[in-house]
Amino acid sequence: MHYSLVSSEAGTLNSVLASYQLQTPVSNLSAEKPPSTPAPGDGKCLPGWWPYGRYCYFTYNGKVGYSWPEARHICQEVNGGELASIHSRAEVEFVRNINYTKYHYVWIGLTRDRSYGWGWTDLTSLGFTNWAPGEPNEAFHDGDVGKENCVEMYHDGTWNDNNCVQKRGFVCRHRQCRFTLRHA
């Protein structure tokens, strides 16, 4: 196979590929761009929640922060959801826009388990990450809650592993609801 590259300061693509075996034929790659935002869902969000795709999001950004376990409990028990899982750059930007707090970074639903590594609390796949440079920096800690096994999102949208007992804001997420309001 021979590949051409218009120009590059690093040399031609041929010289780079010469030392590698291609495992996937180039013809199988798609030039299509993924959609920037998901299609809207057919459900609704309660007041105070923001719709995005098929989900509703709630951001806590008050002056008082919560630990990661406290934030997760609030999302599950009070708000009927889970700490948010984030699966695309567009979703990062959406969460940044609804997180207008000046007080805190926010907890998201990514955590480290000593047996399985990093995973979302809602059990969705971990196909996208947005770590800040040098993060995660405690990749080999045990899985107890006091170490850097929980993930916060900075104001710029990048992620940091942090001690789970730190006080932060948080972002909850749940599937959109189908409900009707009854008038008395």
C-alpha atoms as a PDB file:
ATOM      1  CA  MET A   1       0.000   0.000   0.000  1.00  0.00           C
ATOM      2  CA  HIS A   2       1.113   3.527  -0.709  1.00  0.00           C
ATOM      3  CA  TYR A   3      -0.407   6.606   0.957  1.00  0.00           C
ATOM      4  CA  SER A   4       0.164  10.211  -0.012  1.00  0.00           C
ATOM      5  CA  LEU A   5       0.078  13.220   2.218  1.00  0.00           C
ATOM      6  CA  VAL A   6      -0.124  16.712   0.786  1.00  0.00           C
ATOM      7  CA  SER A   7       2.437  18.196   3.180  1.00  0.00           C
ATOM      8  CA  SER A   8       3.632  17.716   6.685  1.00  0.00           C
ATOM      9  CA  GLU A   9       6.470  19.026   8.783  1.00  0.00           C
ATOM     10  CA  ALA A  10       6.838  15.527  10.225  1.00  0.00           C
ATOM     11  CA  GLY A  11       7.389  13.937   6.794  1.00  0.00           C
ATOM     12  CA  THR A  12       5.066  11.834   4.713  1.00  0.00           C
ATOM     13  CA  LEU A  13       2.491   9.434   5.999  1.00  0.00           C
ATOM     14  CA  ASN A  14       4.273   6.711   4.029  1.00  0.00           C
ATOM     15  CA  SER A  15       7.395   6.987   6.160  1.00  0.00           C
ATOM     16  CA  VAL A  16       5.361   6.766   9.359  1.00  0.00           C
ATOM     17  CA  LEU A  17       3.308   3.800   8.173  1.00  0.00           C
ATOM     18  CA  ALA A  18       6.331   1.936   6.802  1.00  0.00           C
ATOM     19  CA  SER A  19       7.191   0.621  10.260  1.00  0.00           C
ATOM     20  CA  TYR A  20       3.631  -0.395  11.169  1.00  0.00           C
ATOM     21  CA  GLN A  21       1.296  -3.114   9.953  1.00  0.00           C
ATOM     22  CA  LEU A  22      -2.220  -1.811   9.295  1.00  0.00           C
ATOM     23  CA  GLN A  23      -4.696  -3.903  11.275  1.00  0.00           C
ATOM     24  CA  THR A  24      -7.824  -2.238   9.857  1.00  0.00           C
ATOM     25  CA  PRO A  25      -8.234  -1.448   6.177  1.00  0.00           C
ATOM     26  CA  VAL A  26      -8.415   2.294   5.608  1.00  0.00           C
ATOM     27  CA  SER A  27     -11.463   1.796   3.374  1.00  0.00           C
ATOM     28  CA  ASN A  28     -13.525   0.879   6.468  1.00  0.00           C
ATOM     29  CA  LEU A  29     -13.059   4.316   8.020  1.00  0.00           C
ATOM     30  CA  SER A  30     -15.863   6.836   7.689  1.00  0.00           C
ATOM     31  CA  ALA A  31     -15.412  10.511   6.876  1.00  0.00           C
ATOM     32  CA  GLU A  32     -18.794  11.358   8.392  1.00  0.00           C
ATOM     33  CA  LYS A  33     -18.809  13.696  11.364  1.00  0.00           C
ATOM     34  CA  PRO A  34     -20.914  12.623  14.345  1.00  0.00           C
ATOM     35  CA  PRO A  35     -23.845  14.885  15.183  1.00  0.00           C
ATOM     36  CA  SER A  36     -22.938  17.722  17.534  1.00  0.00           C
ATOM     37  CA  THR A  37     -26.002  17.188  19.715  1.00  0.00           C
ATOM     38  CA  PRO A  38     -28.302  14.203  20.093  1.00  0.00           C
ATOM     39  CA  ALA A  39     -31.846  14.200  18.796  1.00  0.00           C
ATOM     40  CA  PRO A  40     -34.339  15.468  21.361  1.00  0.00           C
ATOM     41  CA  GLY A  41     -36.120  12.892  23.460  1.00  0.00           C
ATOM     42  CA  ASP A  42     -39.863  12.367  23.439  1.00  0.00           C
ATOM     43  CA  GLY A  43     -40.234  12.885  27.183  1.00  0.00           C
ATOM     44  CA  LYS A  44     -40.188  15.903  29.471  1.00  0.00           C
ATOM     45  CA  CYS A  45     -38.061  17.280  32.285  1.00  0.00           C
ATOM     46  CA  LEU A  46     -39.360  18.651  35.559  1.00  0.00           C
ATOM     47  CA  PRO A  47     -38.827  22.334  36.392  1.00  0.00           C
ATOM     48  CA  GLY A  48     -35.213  23.016  37.328  1.00  0.00           C
ATOM     49  CA  TRP A  49     -33.919  20.226  35.070  1.00  0.00           C
ATOM     50  CA  TRP A  50     -32.384  20.799  31.636  1.00  0.00           C
ATOM     51  CA  PRO A  51     -33.192  18.535  28.660  1.00  0.00           C
ATOM     52  CA  TYR A  52     -30.391  17.164  26.489  1.00  0.00           C
ATOM     53  CA  GLY A  53     -31.049  14.269  24.143  1.00  0.00           C
ATOM     54  CA  ARG A  54     -33.174  11.702  25.987  1.00  0.00           C
ATOM     55  CA  TYR A  55     -31.979  12.835  29.411  1.00  0.00           C
ATOM     56  CA  CYS A  56     -32.659  15.529  31.983  1.00  0.00           C
ATOM     57  CA  TYR A  57     -29.827  17.206  33.904  1.00  0.00           C
ATOM     58  CA  PHE A  58     -29.774  19.013  37.220  1.00  0.00           C
ATOM     59  CA  THR A  59     -26.802  21.016  38.459  1.00  0.00           C
ATOM     60  CA  TYR A  60     -26.353  21.867  42.112  1.00  0.00           C
ATOM     61  CA  ASN A  61     -24.308  25.025  42.367  1.00  0.00           C
ATOM     62  CA  GLY A  62     -25.074  26.458  45.797  1.00  0.00           C
ATOM     63  CA  LYS A  63     -22.506  27.802  48.247  1.00  0.00           C
ATOM     64  CA  VAL A  64     -22.452  24.618  50.351  1.00  0.00           C
ATOM     65  CA  GLY A  65     -20.575  21.763  48.690  1.00  0.00           C
ATOM     66  CA  TYR A  66     -21.079  18.020  49.116  1.00  0.00           C
ATOM     67  CA  SER A  67     -18.778  15.009  49.129  1.00  0.00           C
ATOM     68  CA  TRP A  68     -19.046  12.624  46.174  1.00  0.00           C
ATOM     69  CA  PRO A  69     -21.032  10.019  48.203  1.00  0.00           C
ATOM     70  CA  GLU A  70     -23.382  12.749  49.499  1.00  0.00           C
ATOM     71  CA  ALA A  71     -23.851  14.119  45.980  1.00  0.00           C
ATOM     72  CA  ARG A  72     -24.615  10.658  44.609  1.00  0.00           C
ATOM     73  CA  HIS A  73     -27.135  10.064  47.401  1.00  0.00           C
ATOM     74  CA  ILE A  74     -28.883  13.357  46.592  1.00  0.00           C
ATOM     75  CA  CYS A  75     -29.035  12.463  42.897  1.00  0.00           C
ATOM     76  CA  GLN A  76     -30.442   8.995  43.642  1.00  0.00           C
ATOM     77  CA  GLU A  77     -32.785   9.624  46.548  1.00  0.00           C
ATOM     78  CA  VAL A  78     -33.905  13.211  46.158  1.00  0.00           C
ATOM     79  CA  ASN A  79     -33.694  13.732  42.412  1.00  0.00           C
ATOM     80  CA  GLY A  80     -34.391  10.173  41.206  1.00  0.00           C
ATOM     81  CA  GLY A  81     -31.296   9.927  39.030  1.00  0.00           C
ATOM     82  CA  GLU A  82     -27.586   9.327  39.184  1.00  0.00           C
ATOM     83  CA  LEU A  83     -24.486  11.491  39.049  1.00  0.00           C
ATOM     84  CA  ALA A  84     -24.124  12.412  35.379  1.00  0.00           C
ATOM     85  CA  SER A  85     -22.206  10.284  32.926  1.00  0.00           C
ATOM     86  CA  ILE A  86     -20.754  12.241  30.010  1.00  0.00           C
ATOM     87  CA  HIS A  87     -20.209  10.597  26.637  1.00  0.00           C
ATOM     88  CA  SER A  88     -19.150  13.293  24.172  1.00  0.00           C
ATOM     89  CA  ARG A  89     -17.471  16.662  23.758  1.00  0.00           C
ATOM     90  CA  ALA A  90     -20.903  18.174  23.019  1.00  0.00           C
ATOM     91  CA  GLU A  91     -22.232  16.811  26.311  1.00  0.00           C
ATOM     92  CA  VAL A  92     -19.226  18.311  28.154  1.00  0.00           C
ATOM     93  CA  GLU A  93     -20.099  21.710  26.674  1.00  0.00           C
ATOM     94  CA  PHE A  94     -23.766  21.303  27.599  1.00  0.00           C
ATOM     95  CA  VAL A  95     -22.871  20.536  31.233  1.00  0.00           C
ATOM     96  CA  ARG A  96     -20.437  23.465  31.310  1.00  0.00           C
ATOM     97  CA  ASN A  97     -23.236  25.774  30.146  1.00  0.00           C
ATOM     98  CA  ILE A  98     -25.680  24.684  32.843  1.00  0.00           C
ATOM     99  CA  ASN A  99     -22.996  24.729  35.553  1.00  0.00           C
ATOM    100  CA  TYR A 100     -22.854  28.459  36.107  1.00  0.00           C
ATOM    101  CA  THR A 101     -21.584  28.197  39.686  1.00  0.00           C
ATOM    102  CA  LYS A 102     -18.789  30.403  40.879  1.00  0.00           C
ATOM    103  CA  TYR A 103     -18.340  28.346  44.034  1.00  0.00           C
ATOM    104  CA  HIS A 104     -17.386  24.827  43.014  1.00  0.00           C
ATOM    105  CA  TYR A 105     -16.163  22.374  40.480  1.00  0.00           C
ATOM    106  CA  VAL A 106     -18.805  19.644  40.090  1.00  0.00           C
ATOM    107  CA  TRP A 107     -18.815  15.931  40.794  1.00  0.00           C
ATOM    108  CA  ILE A 108     -19.748  13.662  37.893  1.00  0.00           C
ATOM    109  CA  GLY A 109     -20.595   9.959  38.003  1.00  0.00           C
ATOM    110  CA  LEU A 110     -17.167   8.599  37.122  1.00  0.00           C
ATOM    111  CA  THR A 111     -15.446   6.655  39.881  1.00  0.00           C
ATOM    112  CA  ARG A 112     -12.699   4.078  40.286  1.00  0.00           C
ATOM    113  CA  ASP A 113     -13.364   0.578  41.578  1.00  0.00           C
ATOM    114  CA  ARG A 114     -10.388  -1.437  42.846  1.00  0.00           C
ATOM    115  CA  SER A 115     -11.439  -4.464  40.783  1.00  0.00           C
ATOM    116  CA  TYR A 116     -12.686  -2.894  37.563  1.00  0.00           C
ATOM    117  CA  GLY A 117     -10.972   0.489  37.201  1.00  0.00           C
ATOM    118  CA  TRP A 118     -12.834   3.591  36.030  1.00  0.00           C
ATOM    119  CA  GLY A 119     -16.565   3.329  35.394  1.00  0.00           C
ATOM    120  CA  TRP A 120     -19.786   5.324  35.325  1.00  0.00           C
ATOM    121  CA  THR A 121     -22.181   4.832  38.227  1.00  0.00           C
ATOM    122  CA  ASP A 122     -25.097   4.446  35.775  1.00  0.00           C
ATOM    123  CA  LEU A 123     -23.202   1.502  34.203  1.00  0.00           C
ATOM    124  CA  THR A 124     -23.003   3.092  30.743  1.00  0.00           C
ATOM    125  CA  SER A 125     -19.829   2.407  28.775  1.00  0.00           C
ATOM    126  CA  LEU A 126     -16.693   4.478  29.268  1.00  0.00           C
ATOM    127  CA  GLY A 127     -15.934   5.306  25.646  1.00  0.00           C
ATOM    128  CA  PHE A 128     -15.195   9.018  26.076  1.00  0.00           C
ATOM    129  CA  THR A 129     -12.952  10.733  28.618  1.00  0.00           C
ATOM    130  CA  ASN A 130     -11.899  14.352  29.036  1.00  0.00           C
ATOM    131  CA  TRP A 131      -9.047  14.261  31.550  1.00  0.00           C
ATOM    132  CA  ALA A 132      -7.141  17.446  32.340  1.00  0.00           C
ATOM    133  CA  PRO A 133      -3.425  17.277  31.458  1.00  0.00           C
ATOM    134  CA  GLY A 134      -1.621  14.912  33.842  1.00  0.00           C
ATOM    135  CA  GLU A 135      -4.859  13.299  35.042  1.00  0.00           C
ATOM    136  CA  PRO A 136      -5.825  10.887  36.369  1.00  0.00           C
ATOM    137  CA  ASN A 137      -2.753  11.137  38.549  1.00  0.00           C
ATOM    138  CA  GLU A 138      -3.604   8.560  41.213  1.00  0.00           C
ATOM    139  CA  ALA A 139      -4.290   5.672  38.873  1.00  0.00           C
ATOM    140  CA  PHE A 140      -2.981   2.963  41.213  1.00  0.00           C
ATOM    141  CA  HIS A 141      -4.741   3.813  44.481  1.00  0.00           C
ATOM    142  CA  ASP A 142      -6.880   1.276  46.271  1.00  0.00           C
ATOM    143  CA  GLY A 143     -10.622   1.700  45.761  1.00  0.00           C
ATOM    144  CA  ASP A 144     -11.558   3.163  49.127  1.00  0.00           C
ATOM    145  CA  VAL A 145     -13.572   6.377  49.143  1.00  0.00           C
ATOM    146  CA  GLY A 146     -10.925   8.526  50.867  1.00  0.00           C
ATOM    147  CA  LYS A 147      -8.431   8.489  48.000  1.00  0.00           C
ATOM    148  CA  GLU A 148      -8.580  10.051  44.543  1.00  0.00           C
ATOM    149  CA  ASN A 149     -11.221   7.678  43.218  1.00  0.00           C
ATOM    150  CA  CYS A 150     -13.940  10.180  42.326  1.00  0.00           C
ATOM    151  CA  VAL A 151     -14.039  12.584  39.398  1.00  0.00           C
ATOM    152  CA  GLU A 152     -14.817  16.273  39.346  1.00  0.00           C
ATOM    153  CA  MET A 153     -15.275  18.464  36.300  1.00  0.00           C
ATOM    154  CA  TYR A 154     -13.396  21.761  36.192  1.00  0.00           C
ATOM    155  CA  HIS A 155     -14.976  24.961  34.866  1.00  0.00           C
ATOM    156  CA  ASP A 156     -13.202  24.388  31.525  1.00  0.00           C
ATOM    157  CA  GLY A 157     -14.868  20.961  31.178  1.00  0.00           C
ATOM    158  CA  THR A 158     -11.786  18.840  31.843  1.00  0.00           C
ATOM    159  CA  TRP A 159     -11.818  16.134  34.496  1.00  0.00           C
ATOM    160  CA  ASN A 160      -9.715  15.510  37.583  1.00  0.00           C
ATOM    161  CA  ASP A 161      -9.600  12.537  39.917  1.00  0.00           C
ATOM    162  CA  ASN A 162      -9.951  13.834  43.453  1.00  0.00           C
ATOM    163  CA  ASN A 163     -10.486  12.742  47.025  1.00  0.00           C
ATOM    164  CA  CYS A 164     -14.143  11.733  47.337  1.00  0.00           C
ATOM    165  CA  VAL A 165     -14.648  13.616  50.608  1.00  0.00           C
ATOM    166  CA  GLN A 166     -13.896  17.025  49.062  1.00  0.00           C
ATOM    167  CA  LYS A 167     -16.893  19.365  48.969  1.00  0.00           C
ATOM    168  CA  ARG A 168     -18.134  20.168  45.458  1.00  0.00           C
ATOM    169  CA  GLY A 169     -21.225  20.953  43.453  1.00  0.00           C
ATOM    170  CA  PHE A 170     -22.618  18.119  41.329  1.00  0.00           C
ATOM    171  CA  VAL A 171     -24.541  17.217  38.183  1.00  0.00           C
ATOM    172  CA  CYS A 172     -27.377  14.661  38.191  1.00  0.00           C
ATOM    173  CA  ARG A 173     -28.899  12.954  35.164  1.00  0.00           C
ATOM    174  CA  HIS A 174     -31.941  10.758  34.508  1.00  0.00           C
ATOM    175  CA  ARG A 175     -33.980   9.628  31.513  1.00  0.00           C
ATOM    176  CA  GLN A 176     -36.710  11.977  30.395  1.00  0.00           C
ATOM    177  CA  CYS A 177     -40.120  11.225  31.883  1.00  0.00           C
ATOM    178  CA  ARG A 178     -43.455  10.685  30.271  1.00  0.00           C
ATOM    179  CA  PHE A 179     -46.035  12.129  32.576  1.00  0.00           C
ATOM    180  CA  THR A 180     -49.245  14.087  32.531  1.00  0.00           C
ATOM    181  CA  LEU A 181     -50.363  16.670  35.006  1.00  0.00           C
ATOM    182  CA  ARG A 182     -53.804  16.165  36.476  1.00  0.00           C
ATOM    183  CA  HIS A 183     -55.935  19.145  37.256  1.00  0.00           C
ATOM    184  CA  ALA A 184     -58.023  18.913  40.405  1.00  0.00           C
END
